[in-house]
Amino acid sequence: MRRADEHAEVIRPAEVTSDIVNNPVVAIDWARADFRMTCIEFLIGLMATACPPADDEEAWIEGWESPLTPGSLDAAFSLLAHAFDLEGSGPRFLQDLDDLPGDPDTPETLLIEAPGENTRRKNTALFVKPDRIARLSRPAAAMALFTLQCYAPSGGRGNLTSVRGGGPLTTLALPGIDPCPLWHLVWANVPAGKPPGAGELPRVFPWLAPTRTADRFPATTPMAAHPLQAFWGMPRRIRLEFAENPEGLPCDLTSVIDPIIVTGWRQRPNGVKYVIWDHPLSPSYKDTRGGRWLSVHPQPGGIGYRDWVAIALGDSDGTRRARCITDWYARCQNIAELSGRRSRLLAAGYDMDKMKARSFVESEMWLPGADREGAETLAKLARPLVAAAEIVAQALRRAVRDALYSRDTKADSAPLATVYEAFWEATRDQFFALLGDVPGDCETTLKARAPDWRKALRSAALALFDRAAPLDPTAASFDPRRVVRARRNLLFALEGYDANGKKLFAELLLSLPETKGKQAAQRKGRKAG
């Protein structure tokens, strides 16, 4: 972790509130973005299990204004300590209770982005080369294991996905304090409840009991387990292998020298199969086929303002924001120090293509205030702005394709995907600046702000087109007619003259431009008069 004075150190979880007044812990300091995010999730889950706020506003406010001391946290955590042993002959943290047979795999394959067995055998890995990590320290192995179980993607037959499916999106409320103590970040997102009793712990921590394997048990629903198992899901059956480190070799991931290292791990198929879980930290959408609520997953291109309405405000089309975000809207209204300060939304997760990790994406965006009516009005303003941007983004992508590539070039091919994502990034700041404060009448506000938004979209689209398809006679495949024609068609759409332009103007409640025929008729009428 890192403190406010930039000093980095290693602490026990109970020390997250140490020196909180003068030099608080303000950040997780793992070198990997996925470890940083899952470490925060680990702390939220730990607090939710050991010492959650009671289900009333006063209890949460008390924890915010008077954080629990390290001694109080130690006392609460001690009741759960036996569930967090990483090694030994008894139950092991997030590992199967049985000593699984089979040949061990290398430690690096605990990492989600590591090449799979087939890729390694064929030596077809391009960006993430195998055989980089031969040993892990116990802290690094624990975080790799937790991250894998927390975000578990599909991994072939019998290798099941996480409680939230493969590669879920996590959203957290970031309080508007600078710097924000880590305690307050965690406490802002801890769900209310009560600690489980000792007899309930095997239903919270599935590794304390024989695994409910998918081949012998029905799917595990919240009714078949404790709701807190949402934080401690174990879809994969795994056993780590440990060895002494007499030579003092450093961890290949962190360079930490640990006297005991992880040299491999064994896995068996058919861990716990999770269905219909509502995770407190993930937004969800309604599956139109089965009617179930499923966790939202990051998509190619990262998380931008096109996702903001759904994950920050909730979408009328069937997306629910995470419970922690809904709770924060109510909680922050009762804290005087947050009055007038803008909270933020942290969204992060793996963009997965089945078993392949395309990227780990992370984004921070504005989180509006708690007024429900004002938030809905803001959403009504934001939705047409986003819809208009989508129309222009697609028109831009199509124009670049028409200028440079064949018509059967796929929209998600690298060059076209790049210009499409660049457009969203180029217009992000203008979008949030344009929203401003919560407006009164949505339609009036949209009509007032639409011209500026169209201008911003037009400027970004033309600039990106000119960059992607310049009039460069030295280019081998340069065809000036194609480039000029494609730019002209893009310009027509931006000015409202074709089908896409009409959709654009309709979303923004703008009047369509007059056609040349109508203009000529008007001139003729004036002359006749």
Protein backbone atom coordinates (compact mmCIF):
# COMPACT_ATOMS: atom_id res chain seq x y z
CA MET A 1 0.00 0.00 0.00
CA ARG A 2 0.93 3.68 -0.22
CA ARG A 3 0.34 6.44 2.29
CA ALA A 4 -0.53 10.08 1.72
CA ASP A 5 3.15 11.09 1.95
CA GLU A 6 3.91 8.62 -0.93
CA HIS A 7 5.65 6.20 1.43
CA ALA A 8 5.08 2.58 0.36
CA GLU A 9 4.99 -0.32 2.79
CA VAL A 10 3.42 -3.72 3.42
CA ILE A 11 0.70 -3.92 6.06
CA ARG A 12 -1.77 -6.38 7.53
CA PRO A 13 -5.39 -5.73 6.52
CA ALA A 14 -6.19 -4.56 10.06
CA GLU A 15 -3.65 -1.77 9.69
CA VAL A 16 -5.63 -0.09 6.91
CA THR A 17 -6.72 2.51 9.50
CA SER A 18 -3.30 3.00 11.08
CA ASP A 19 -2.27 6.68 11.36
CA ILE A 20 -5.45 7.58 9.48
CA VAL A 21 -5.53 11.15 10.80
CA ASN A 22 -1.97 12.23 10.00
CA ASN A 23 -0.75 9.95 7.22
CA PRO A 24 -3.48 7.61 6.04
CA VAL A 25 -3.21 4.67 3.68
CA VAL A 26 -4.57 6.05 0.38
CA ALA A 27 -3.87 3.42 -2.28
CA ILE A 28 -3.09 -0.18 -3.05
CA ASP A 29 0.41 -0.39 -4.49
CA TRP A 30 0.57 -3.68 -6.37
CA ALA A 31 2.39 -3.32 -9.69
CA ARG A 32 -0.50 -4.97 -11.55
CA ALA A 33 -3.80 -3.16 -12.19
CA ASP A 34 -5.86 -6.33 -11.76
CA PHE A 35 -4.23 -7.05 -8.39
CA ARG A 36 -4.91 -3.49 -7.24
CA MET A 37 -8.59 -3.81 -8.09
CA THR A 38 -9.09 -7.25 -6.63
CA CYS A 39 -7.18 -6.26 -3.48
CA ILE A 40 -9.78 -3.53 -2.92
CA GLU A 41 -12.51 -6.10 -3.55
CA PHE A 42 -10.79 -8.43 -1.07
CA LEU A 43 -10.87 -5.72 1.62
CA ILE A 44 -14.52 -4.89 0.88
CA GLY A 45 -15.44 -8.58 1.14
CA LEU A 46 -13.41 -8.96 4.33
CA MET A 47 -15.14 -5.98 5.97
CA ALA A 48 -18.55 -7.20 4.77
CA THR A 49 -17.87 -10.59 6.37
CA ALA A 50 -16.12 -9.58 9.60
CA CYS A 51 -17.50 -6.17 10.58
CA PRO A 52 -20.18 -4.80 8.23
CA PRO A 53 -22.28 -1.79 9.15
CA ALA A 54 -25.70 -2.68 10.48
CA ASP A 55 -28.61 -2.10 8.14
CA ASP A 56 -29.26 1.47 9.24
CA GLU A 57 -27.78 4.85 8.31
CA GLU A 58 -26.37 5.61 11.77
CA ALA A 59 -24.13 2.54 11.85
CA TRP A 60 -22.55 3.35 8.51
CA ILE A 61 -22.09 7.03 9.41
CA GLU A 62 -20.39 6.03 12.67
CA GLY A 63 -17.89 3.85 10.76
CA TRP A 64 -17.22 6.70 8.34
CA GLU A 65 -16.67 9.36 11.00
CA SER A 66 -14.94 7.09 13.54
CA PRO A 67 -13.06 4.38 11.62
CA LEU A 68 -12.44 1.12 13.42
CA THR A 69 -9.00 0.97 15.02
CA PRO A 70 -6.43 -1.67 14.01
CA GLY A 71 -7.11 -3.38 17.35
CA SER A 72 -10.84 -3.58 16.66
CA LEU A 73 -10.23 -4.87 13.16
CA ASP A 74 -7.77 -7.48 14.46
CA ALA A 75 -10.40 -8.72 16.90
CA ALA A 76 -13.01 -8.99 14.14
CA PHE A 77 -10.65 -10.65 11.67
CA SER A 78 -9.33 -13.17 14.21
CA LEU A 79 -12.68 -14.99 14.10
CA LEU A 80 -12.09 -15.68 10.41
CA ALA A 81 -8.31 -16.17 10.38
CA HIS A 82 -8.48 -19.97 10.03
CA ALA A 83 -10.17 -19.52 6.64
CA PHE A 84 -7.22 -17.57 5.25
CA ASP A 85 -4.37 -20.05 5.62
CA LEU A 86 -2.72 -20.30 2.21
CA GLU A 87 -0.80 -23.52 2.94
CA GLY A 88 -0.85 -26.42 5.36
CA SER A 89 -2.71 -29.68 5.81
CA GLY A 90 -6.07 -28.13 6.70
CA PRO A 91 -8.41 -25.98 4.65
CA ARG A 92 -6.54 -23.60 2.36
CA PHE A 93 -7.68 -20.18 1.19
CA LEU A 94 -9.63 -20.53 -2.10
CA GLN A 95 -8.29 -24.05 -2.67
CA ASP A 96 -10.03 -27.39 -2.87
CA LEU A 97 -10.23 -29.34 0.37
CA ASP A 98 -8.89 -32.45 -1.38
CA ASP A 99 -5.25 -32.91 -2.36
CA LEU A 100 -5.91 -32.98 -6.10
CA PRO A 101 -4.04 -35.50 -8.28
CA GLY A 102 -2.34 -34.63 -11.54
CA ASP A 103 0.77 -32.95 -12.88
CA PRO A 104 1.34 -29.36 -11.74
CA ASP A 105 1.17 -26.42 -14.10
CA THR A 106 3.55 -23.46 -13.96
CA PRO A 107 2.78 -20.58 -11.54
CA GLU A 108 2.39 -18.05 -14.34
CA THR A 109 -0.74 -19.79 -15.61
CA LEU A 110 -2.54 -18.53 -12.50
CA LEU A 111 -2.46 -15.14 -14.25
CA ILE A 112 -5.52 -14.59 -16.41
CA GLU A 113 -3.58 -13.19 -19.36
CA ALA A 114 -1.11 -16.11 -19.49
CA PRO A 115 -1.13 -18.11 -22.75
CA GLY A 116 -3.20 -21.27 -22.60
CA GLU A 117 -1.85 -24.78 -23.01
CA ASN A 118 -2.71 -24.98 -26.71
CA THR A 119 -1.08 -21.59 -27.42
CA ARG A 120 2.07 -22.59 -25.58
CA ARG A 121 2.26 -25.94 -27.36
CA LYS A 122 1.97 -24.29 -30.78
CA ASN A 123 4.19 -21.36 -29.74
CA THR A 124 1.69 -18.87 -31.18
CA ALA A 125 1.70 -16.31 -28.36
CA LEU A 126 2.33 -12.83 -29.75
CA PHE A 127 2.33 -10.29 -26.90
CA VAL A 128 2.40 -12.37 -23.70
CA LYS A 129 5.22 -14.87 -23.94
CA PRO A 130 5.19 -18.02 -21.77
CA ASP A 131 7.78 -19.18 -19.26
CA ARG A 132 8.33 -15.76 -17.71
CA ILE A 133 7.34 -16.76 -14.17
CA ALA A 134 8.74 -19.90 -12.56
CA ARG A 135 8.12 -18.99 -8.90
CA LEU A 136 5.82 -16.74 -6.93
CA SER A 137 6.06 -15.44 -3.41
CA ARG A 138 3.13 -16.40 -1.21
CA PRO A 139 1.61 -12.88 -1.26
CA ALA A 140 1.78 -12.75 -5.08
CA ALA A 141 0.38 -16.28 -5.36
CA ALA A 142 -2.48 -15.41 -2.99
CA MET A 143 -3.42 -12.37 -5.07
CA ALA A 144 -3.11 -14.29 -8.35
CA LEU A 145 -5.35 -17.02 -6.93
CA PHE A 146 -7.94 -14.55 -5.63
CA THR A 147 -7.94 -12.64 -8.93
CA LEU A 148 -8.42 -15.83 -10.93
CA GLN A 149 -11.32 -17.04 -8.77
CA CYS A 150 -12.84 -13.54 -8.66
CA TYR A 151 -12.77 -12.94 -12.44
CA ALA A 152 -12.51 -16.56 -13.68
CA PRO A 153 -13.11 -16.67 -17.45
CA SER A 154 -14.31 -19.69 -19.36
CA GLY A 155 -11.42 -22.10 -19.52
CA GLY A 156 -12.50 -25.12 -21.48
CA ARG A 157 -14.67 -28.04 -20.43
CA GLY A 158 -15.23 -28.14 -16.68
CA ASN A 159 -13.29 -24.94 -15.96
CA LEU A 160 -16.11 -22.75 -14.72
CA THR A 161 -16.56 -19.00 -14.61
CA SER A 162 -16.75 -16.77 -11.55
CA VAL A 163 -19.83 -15.91 -9.50
CA ARG A 164 -20.41 -13.07 -11.99
CA GLY A 165 -19.49 -14.96 -15.14
CA GLY A 166 -16.24 -14.71 -17.08
CA GLY A 167 -14.42 -11.38 -16.74
CA PRO A 168 -17.06 -9.26 -14.93
CA LEU A 169 -17.10 -5.48 -14.62
CA THR A 170 -16.59 -4.05 -11.13
CA THR A 171 -17.83 -0.56 -10.27
CA LEU A 172 -16.98 1.29 -7.07
CA ALA A 173 -17.95 4.65 -5.63
CA LEU A 174 -14.92 6.89 -5.03
CA PRO A 175 -15.68 9.51 -2.35
CA GLY A 176 -14.94 13.11 -3.28
CA ILE A 177 -12.02 13.50 -0.88
CA ASP A 178 -8.46 14.23 -1.94
CA PRO A 179 -6.59 12.25 -0.86
CA CYS A 180 -9.21 9.68 0.04
CA PRO A 181 -8.10 7.26 2.79
CA LEU A 182 -8.37 3.66 1.67
CA TRP A 183 -10.62 2.97 4.66
CA HIS A 184 -13.21 5.43 3.36
CA LEU A 185 -13.05 3.99 -0.16
CA VAL A 186 -13.63 0.50 1.22
CA TRP A 187 -16.30 1.61 3.73
CA ALA A 188 -18.15 3.53 1.00
CA ASN A 189 -18.74 0.25 -0.84
CA VAL A 190 -19.22 -2.26 1.98
CA PRO A 191 -22.77 -3.65 1.98
CA ALA A 192 -24.74 -3.49 5.21
CA GLY A 193 -25.47 -6.71 7.07
CA LYS A 194 -24.34 -8.73 10.03
CA PRO A 195 -21.35 -11.05 10.50
CA PRO A 196 -22.07 -14.74 9.91
CA GLY A 197 -21.96 -17.12 12.84
CA ALA A 198 -19.25 -19.75 13.16
CA GLY A 199 -21.61 -22.44 11.88
CA GLU A 200 -22.33 -20.43 8.73
CA LEU A 201 -18.70 -19.96 7.69
CA PRO A 202 -18.54 -23.06 5.40
CA ARG A 203 -21.45 -21.52 3.45
CA VAL A 204 -19.46 -18.25 3.19
CA PHE A 205 -16.03 -19.77 2.45
CA PRO A 206 -16.63 -22.82 0.24
CA TRP A 207 -13.10 -24.18 0.81
CA LEU A 208 -13.96 -24.96 4.44
CA ALA A 209 -16.12 -27.86 3.28
CA PRO A 210 -15.97 -30.48 0.49
CA THR A 211 -16.47 -28.74 -2.84
CA ARG A 212 -19.97 -28.67 -4.35
CA THR A 213 -18.59 -29.98 -7.63
CA ALA A 214 -20.63 -29.24 -10.72
CA ASP A 215 -20.67 -32.91 -11.76
CA ARG A 216 -22.26 -34.06 -8.47
CA PHE A 217 -24.32 -31.11 -7.25
CA PRO A 218 -26.85 -28.78 -8.85
CA ALA A 219 -25.79 -25.23 -9.63
CA THR A 220 -25.11 -23.12 -6.55
CA THR A 221 -27.57 -20.26 -6.13
CA PRO A 222 -27.73 -17.70 -3.30
CA MET A 223 -30.31 -19.97 -1.65
CA ALA A 224 -27.80 -22.84 -1.53
CA ALA A 225 -25.06 -20.77 0.09
CA HIS A 226 -24.57 -17.67 2.22
CA PRO A 227 -25.03 -14.38 0.27
CA LEU A 228 -21.50 -13.35 1.27
CA GLN A 229 -20.11 -16.14 -0.89
CA ALA A 230 -20.51 -13.59 -3.70
CA PHE A 231 -17.15 -12.22 -2.49
CA TRP A 232 -15.52 -15.63 -1.96
CA GLY A 233 -16.61 -17.72 -4.93
CA MET A 234 -14.52 -20.79 -5.84
CA PRO A 235 -15.39 -21.84 -9.40
CA ARG A 236 -12.01 -23.49 -9.94
CA ARG A 237 -10.69 -26.54 -8.06
CA ILE A 238 -7.06 -25.61 -7.36
CA ARG A 239 -4.21 -26.68 -5.06
CA LEU A 240 -1.01 -24.67 -4.87
CA GLU A 241 2.38 -26.37 -4.57
CA PHE A 242 4.94 -24.90 -2.15
CA ALA A 243 8.68 -25.33 -1.73
CA GLU A 244 11.41 -23.93 0.47
CA ASN A 245 13.61 -21.21 -0.99
CA PRO A 246 17.07 -21.75 0.55
CA GLU A 247 18.81 -19.84 -2.24
CA GLY A 248 16.75 -16.72 -1.56
CA LEU A 249 15.50 -16.44 -5.14
CA PRO A 250 13.18 -13.49 -5.75
CA CYS A 251 9.56 -13.75 -6.86
CA ASP A 252 9.44 -13.45 -10.64
CA LEU A 253 6.44 -11.11 -10.37
CA THR A 254 7.32 -8.81 -7.46
CA SER A 255 11.06 -9.46 -6.77
CA VAL A 256 10.16 -10.11 -3.11
CA ILE A 257 12.30 -12.82 -1.47
CA ASP A 258 10.06 -15.26 0.39
CA PRO A 259 11.47 -18.27 2.32
CA ILE A 260 8.52 -20.31 0.98
CA ILE A 261 7.60 -20.02 -2.70
CA VAL A 262 4.86 -21.34 -4.98
CA THR A 263 6.36 -23.49 -7.71
CA GLY A 264 3.17 -24.71 -9.40
CA TRP A 265 -0.48 -25.59 -9.01
CA ARG A 266 -2.80 -28.48 -9.79
CA GLN A 267 -6.34 -28.19 -11.06
CA ARG A 268 -9.31 -30.47 -11.55
CA PRO A 269 -12.47 -29.62 -13.52
CA ASN A 270 -15.97 -29.05 -12.16
CA GLY A 271 -15.62 -26.57 -9.35
CA VAL A 272 -18.62 -24.69 -7.99
CA LYS A 273 -21.11 -23.66 -10.68
CA TYR A 274 -22.75 -20.34 -9.81
CA VAL A 275 -26.03 -19.05 -11.25
CA ILE A 276 -28.37 -16.07 -10.59
CA TRP A 277 -26.05 -14.24 -8.18
CA ASP A 278 -26.43 -10.50 -7.72
CA HIS A 279 -22.97 -9.23 -6.84
CA PRO A 280 -22.89 -6.01 -4.76
CA LEU A 281 -20.05 -4.51 -6.82
CA SER A 282 -21.24 -5.24 -10.38
CA PRO A 283 -23.92 -3.69 -12.58
CA SER A 284 -26.24 -6.17 -14.25
CA TYR A 285 -28.46 -6.45 -17.29
CA LYS A 286 -31.55 -8.50 -18.00
CA ASP A 287 -30.99 -11.39 -20.37
CA THR A 288 -33.74 -11.13 -22.98
CA ARG A 289 -33.72 -14.88 -23.60
CA GLY A 290 -33.81 -16.32 -20.08
CA GLY A 291 -35.05 -13.29 -18.17
CA ARG A 292 -32.19 -13.56 -15.66
CA TRP A 293 -30.09 -10.68 -14.43
CA LEU A 294 -26.48 -11.15 -15.53
CA SER A 295 -23.37 -9.17 -14.61
CA VAL A 296 -22.14 -6.60 -17.12
CA HIS A 297 -18.78 -7.35 -18.75
CA PRO A 298 -16.22 -4.94 -20.23
CA GLN A 299 -16.23 -4.68 -24.01
CA PRO A 300 -13.45 -3.94 -26.52
CA GLY A 301 -12.32 -0.33 -26.31
CA GLY A 302 -12.57 0.00 -22.58
CA ILE A 303 -15.16 1.78 -20.44
CA GLY A 304 -16.22 5.22 -21.59
CA TYR A 305 -19.06 7.67 -21.43
CA ARG A 306 -21.14 5.50 -23.75
CA ASP A 307 -21.41 3.10 -20.76
CA TRP A 308 -21.81 5.83 -18.16
CA VAL A 309 -25.60 6.20 -18.07
CA ALA A 310 -26.14 2.48 -17.52
CA ILE A 311 -23.47 1.86 -14.86
CA ALA A 312 -23.74 5.19 -13.00
CA LEU A 313 -27.47 5.95 -13.20
CA GLY A 314 -29.16 2.76 -14.36
CA ASP A 315 -30.70 2.44 -17.79
CA SER A 316 -34.38 2.25 -18.63
CA ASP A 317 -33.50 -0.35 -21.26
CA GLY A 318 -32.76 -2.96 -18.60
CA THR A 319 -29.40 -2.26 -16.91
CA ARG A 320 -29.13 -1.97 -13.14
CA ARG A 321 -26.26 -0.15 -11.51
CA ALA A 322 -24.32 -2.02 -8.82
CA ARG A 323 -25.82 -2.09 -5.34
CA CYS A 324 -22.78 -0.30 -3.93
CA ILE A 325 -23.47 2.66 -6.25
CA THR A 326 -27.14 2.79 -5.23
CA ASP A 327 -26.14 2.63 -1.56
CA TRP A 328 -23.60 5.41 -2.04
CA TYR A 329 -26.23 7.76 -3.45
CA ALA A 330 -28.09 7.49 -0.14
CA ARG A 331 -25.04 7.34 2.15
CA CYS A 332 -23.12 10.38 0.90
CA GLN A 333 -26.06 12.71 1.56
CA ASN A 334 -25.52 12.28 5.29
CA ILE A 335 -21.84 13.27 5.33
CA ALA A 336 -21.22 17.00 5.71
CA GLU A 337 -17.64 16.88 4.39
CA LEU A 338 -18.90 15.51 1.06
CA SER A 339 -21.34 18.36 0.48
CA GLY A 340 -20.53 20.09 -2.80
CA ARG A 341 -17.81 17.58 -3.70
CA ARG A 342 -18.13 15.38 -6.75
CA SER A 343 -17.79 11.68 -6.19
CA ARG A 344 -16.38 9.51 -8.95
CA LEU A 345 -17.13 6.10 -10.37
CA LEU A 346 -14.29 3.59 -10.72
CA ALA A 347 -15.02 0.87 -13.27
CA ALA A 348 -12.59 -1.93 -14.06
CA GLY A 349 -12.33 -5.50 -15.26
CA TYR A 350 -11.01 -7.87 -17.90
CA ASP A 351 -12.19 -7.58 -21.48
CA MET A 352 -12.37 -11.28 -22.31
CA ASP A 353 -12.86 -13.09 -25.61
CA LYS A 354 -13.93 -16.40 -24.07
CA MET A 355 -10.66 -17.76 -22.67
CA LYS A 356 -8.45 -15.00 -24.07
CA ALA A 357 -7.82 -11.77 -22.15
CA ARG A 358 -7.76 -8.90 -24.61
CA SER A 359 -6.98 -6.30 -21.94
CA PHE A 360 -7.61 -5.17 -18.38
CA VAL A 361 -9.56 -1.93 -18.59
CA GLU A 362 -9.98 0.73 -15.93
CA SER A 363 -11.72 4.09 -15.99
CA GLU A 364 -12.86 6.87 -13.65
CA MET A 365 -15.89 9.01 -14.40
CA TRP A 366 -18.10 11.52 -12.66
CA LEU A 367 -20.70 10.10 -10.28
CA PRO A 368 -23.74 12.41 -9.98
CA GLY A 369 -25.48 13.32 -6.74
CA ALA A 370 -28.10 11.29 -4.94
CA ASP A 371 -31.26 13.19 -5.89
CA ARG A 372 -33.27 10.48 -7.67
CA GLU A 373 -35.40 12.85 -9.74
CA GLY A 374 -32.38 14.91 -10.76
CA ALA A 375 -30.40 11.78 -11.69
CA GLU A 376 -33.22 10.55 -13.93
CA THR A 377 -33.45 13.97 -15.59
CA LEU A 378 -29.69 13.86 -16.14
CA ALA A 379 -30.01 10.39 -17.67
CA LYS A 380 -32.74 11.65 -20.03
CA LEU A 381 -30.34 14.36 -21.19
CA ALA A 382 -27.33 12.04 -21.47
CA ARG A 383 -29.00 9.26 -23.46
CA PRO A 384 -29.64 11.25 -26.66
CA LEU A 385 -26.14 12.76 -26.45
CA VAL A 386 -24.66 9.26 -26.31
CA ALA A 387 -26.99 8.04 -29.08
CA ALA A 388 -25.90 10.94 -31.28
CA ALA A 389 -22.26 10.13 -30.63
CA GLU A 390 -22.86 6.49 -31.59
CA ILE A 391 -24.39 7.57 -34.92
CA VAL A 392 -21.38 9.74 -35.69
CA ALA A 393 -18.87 7.12 -34.52
CA GLN A 394 -20.38 4.55 -36.87
CA ALA A 395 -20.48 7.06 -39.74
CA LEU A 396 -16.81 7.85 -39.15
CA ARG A 397 -15.85 4.18 -39.12
CA ARG A 398 -17.80 3.58 -42.31
CA ALA A 399 -16.18 6.59 -44.00
CA VAL A 400 -12.67 5.38 -43.16
CA ARG A 401 -13.54 1.95 -44.51
CA ASP A 402 -14.91 3.43 -47.74
CA ALA A 403 -11.81 5.60 -48.16
CA LEU A 404 -9.18 2.94 -47.56
CA TYR A 405 -10.53 -0.60 -47.42
CA SER A 406 -12.89 -3.00 -49.16
CA ARG A 407 -16.57 -2.96 -48.25
CA ASP A 408 -16.38 -6.41 -46.66
CA THR A 409 -13.77 -5.27 -44.11
CA LYS A 410 -15.19 -6.08 -40.68
CA ALA A 411 -16.09 -3.21 -38.38
CA ASP A 412 -14.08 -4.74 -35.53
CA SER A 413 -10.89 -5.06 -37.60
CA ALA A 414 -7.97 -3.28 -35.99
CA PRO A 415 -7.80 -0.09 -38.13
CA LEU A 416 -11.55 0.56 -37.98
CA ALA A 417 -11.85 -0.34 -34.31
CA THR A 418 -9.00 2.05 -33.53
CA VAL A 419 -10.63 5.06 -35.18
CA TYR A 420 -14.00 4.17 -33.63
CA GLU A 421 -12.55 4.05 -30.09
CA ALA A 422 -10.46 7.17 -30.70
CA PHE A 423 -13.66 9.08 -31.43
CA TRP A 424 -15.15 8.21 -28.05
CA GLU A 425 -11.97 9.20 -26.28
CA ALA A 426 -11.74 12.48 -28.23
CA THR A 427 -15.27 13.54 -27.23
CA ARG A 428 -15.26 12.34 -23.61
CA ASP A 429 -14.32 15.63 -21.93
CA GLN A 430 -16.84 17.63 -23.98
CA PHE A 431 -19.59 15.17 -23.01
CA PHE A 432 -19.14 15.60 -19.26
CA ALA A 433 -18.55 19.35 -19.61
CA LEU A 434 -21.78 19.65 -21.58
CA LEU A 435 -23.84 17.81 -18.96
CA GLY A 436 -22.82 20.26 -16.27
CA ASP A 437 -25.22 20.63 -13.39
CA VAL A 438 -28.48 18.73 -13.20
CA PRO A 439 -30.86 20.65 -15.47
CA GLY A 440 -34.48 21.53 -14.85
CA ASP A 441 -36.45 20.79 -18.02
CA CYS A 442 -34.66 18.09 -20.01
CA GLU A 443 -36.06 18.87 -23.47
CA THR A 444 -35.31 22.58 -23.20
CA THR A 445 -31.80 21.85 -21.94
CA LEU A 446 -31.15 19.36 -24.74
CA LYS A 447 -32.24 21.86 -27.39
CA ALA A 448 -29.96 24.48 -25.86
CA ARG A 449 -26.90 22.23 -25.65
CA ALA A 450 -27.38 20.14 -28.80
CA PRO A 451 -25.72 22.62 -31.22
CA ASP A 452 -22.51 22.62 -29.17
CA TRP A 453 -22.55 18.82 -28.96
CA ARG A 454 -23.05 18.42 -32.71
CA LYS A 455 -20.20 20.85 -33.28
CA ALA A 456 -17.93 18.80 -30.98
CA LEU A 457 -18.90 15.56 -32.72
CA ARG A 458 -18.35 17.12 -36.15
CA SER A 459 -14.93 18.49 -35.24
CA ALA A 460 -13.70 15.21 -33.74
CA ALA A 461 -15.03 13.07 -36.61
CA LEU A 462 -13.47 15.17 -39.37
CA ALA A 463 -10.14 15.46 -37.54
CA LEU A 464 -9.96 11.69 -37.02
CA PHE A 465 -10.96 10.99 -40.62
CA ASP A 466 -8.27 13.34 -41.95
CA ARG A 467 -5.71 11.66 -39.73
CA ALA A 468 -6.73 8.14 -40.77
CA ALA A 469 -7.23 8.88 -44.49
CA PRO A 470 -5.01 11.83 -45.44
CA LEU A 471 -4.68 13.06 -49.00
CA ASP A 472 -1.20 11.63 -49.35
CA PRO A 473 -0.03 11.02 -52.96
CA THR A 474 3.01 9.09 -51.71
CA ALA A 475 0.86 6.30 -50.17
CA ALA A 476 0.97 3.07 -52.16
CA SER A 477 -2.80 2.58 -52.25
CA PHE A 478 -3.75 6.24 -52.46
CA ASP A 479 -7.01 6.87 -54.32
CA PRO A 480 -7.99 10.55 -54.02
CA ARG A 481 -11.47 9.99 -55.42
CA ARG A 482 -12.32 7.39 -52.75
CA VAL A 483 -10.98 9.60 -49.96
CA VAL A 484 -12.81 12.72 -51.15
CA ARG A 485 -16.05 10.81 -51.75
CA ALA A 486 -15.91 9.18 -48.31
CA ARG A 487 -15.21 12.49 -46.58
CA ARG A 488 -18.05 14.15 -48.47
CA ASN A 489 -20.47 11.43 -47.37
CA LEU A 490 -19.32 11.79 -43.77
CA LEU A 491 -19.82 15.53 -43.98
CA PHE A 492 -23.34 15.03 -45.38
CA ALA A 493 -24.21 12.89 -42.36
CA LEU A 494 -22.76 15.46 -39.95
CA GLU A 495 -24.83 18.19 -41.57
CA GLY A 496 -28.07 16.19 -41.51
CA TYR A 497 -28.45 15.50 -45.24
CA ASP A 498 -28.65 11.68 -45.42
CA ALA A 499 -30.43 8.95 -43.45
CA ASN A 500 -27.80 8.92 -40.70
CA GLY A 501 -27.80 12.69 -40.57
CA LYS A 502 -31.56 12.69 -40.08
CA LYS A 503 -31.18 10.24 -37.20
CA LEU A 504 -28.47 12.43 -35.69
CA PHE A 505 -30.57 15.58 -35.86
CA ALA A 506 -33.62 13.74 -34.53
CA GLU A 507 -31.74 12.51 -31.44
CA LEU A 508 -30.59 16.07 -30.70
CA LEU A 509 -34.00 17.66 -31.45
CA LEU A 510 -32.36 19.80 -34.13
CA SER A 511 -34.21 21.14 -37.17
CA LEU A 512 -33.15 19.46 -40.39
CA PRO A 513 -31.35 21.68 -42.93
CA GLU A 514 -33.36 22.83 -45.90
CA THR A 515 -32.74 20.96 -49.14
CA LYS A 516 -31.74 22.81 -52.30
CA GLY A 517 -35.15 22.08 -53.83
CA LYS A 518 -36.98 23.62 -50.89
CA GLN A 519 -34.66 26.62 -50.88
CA ALA A 520 -35.30 27.16 -54.63
CA ALA A 521 -39.07 26.90 -54.10
CA GLN A 522 -38.91 29.47 -51.34
CA ARG A 523 -36.91 31.87 -53.54
CA LYS A 524 -39.40 31.38 -56.37
CA GLY A 525 -42.29 32.09 -54.01
CA ARG A 526 -40.67 35.28 -52.76
CA LYS A 527 -40.14 36.50 -56.33
CA ALA A 528 -43.74 35.74 -57.26
CA GLY A 529 -44.92 37.69 -54.24
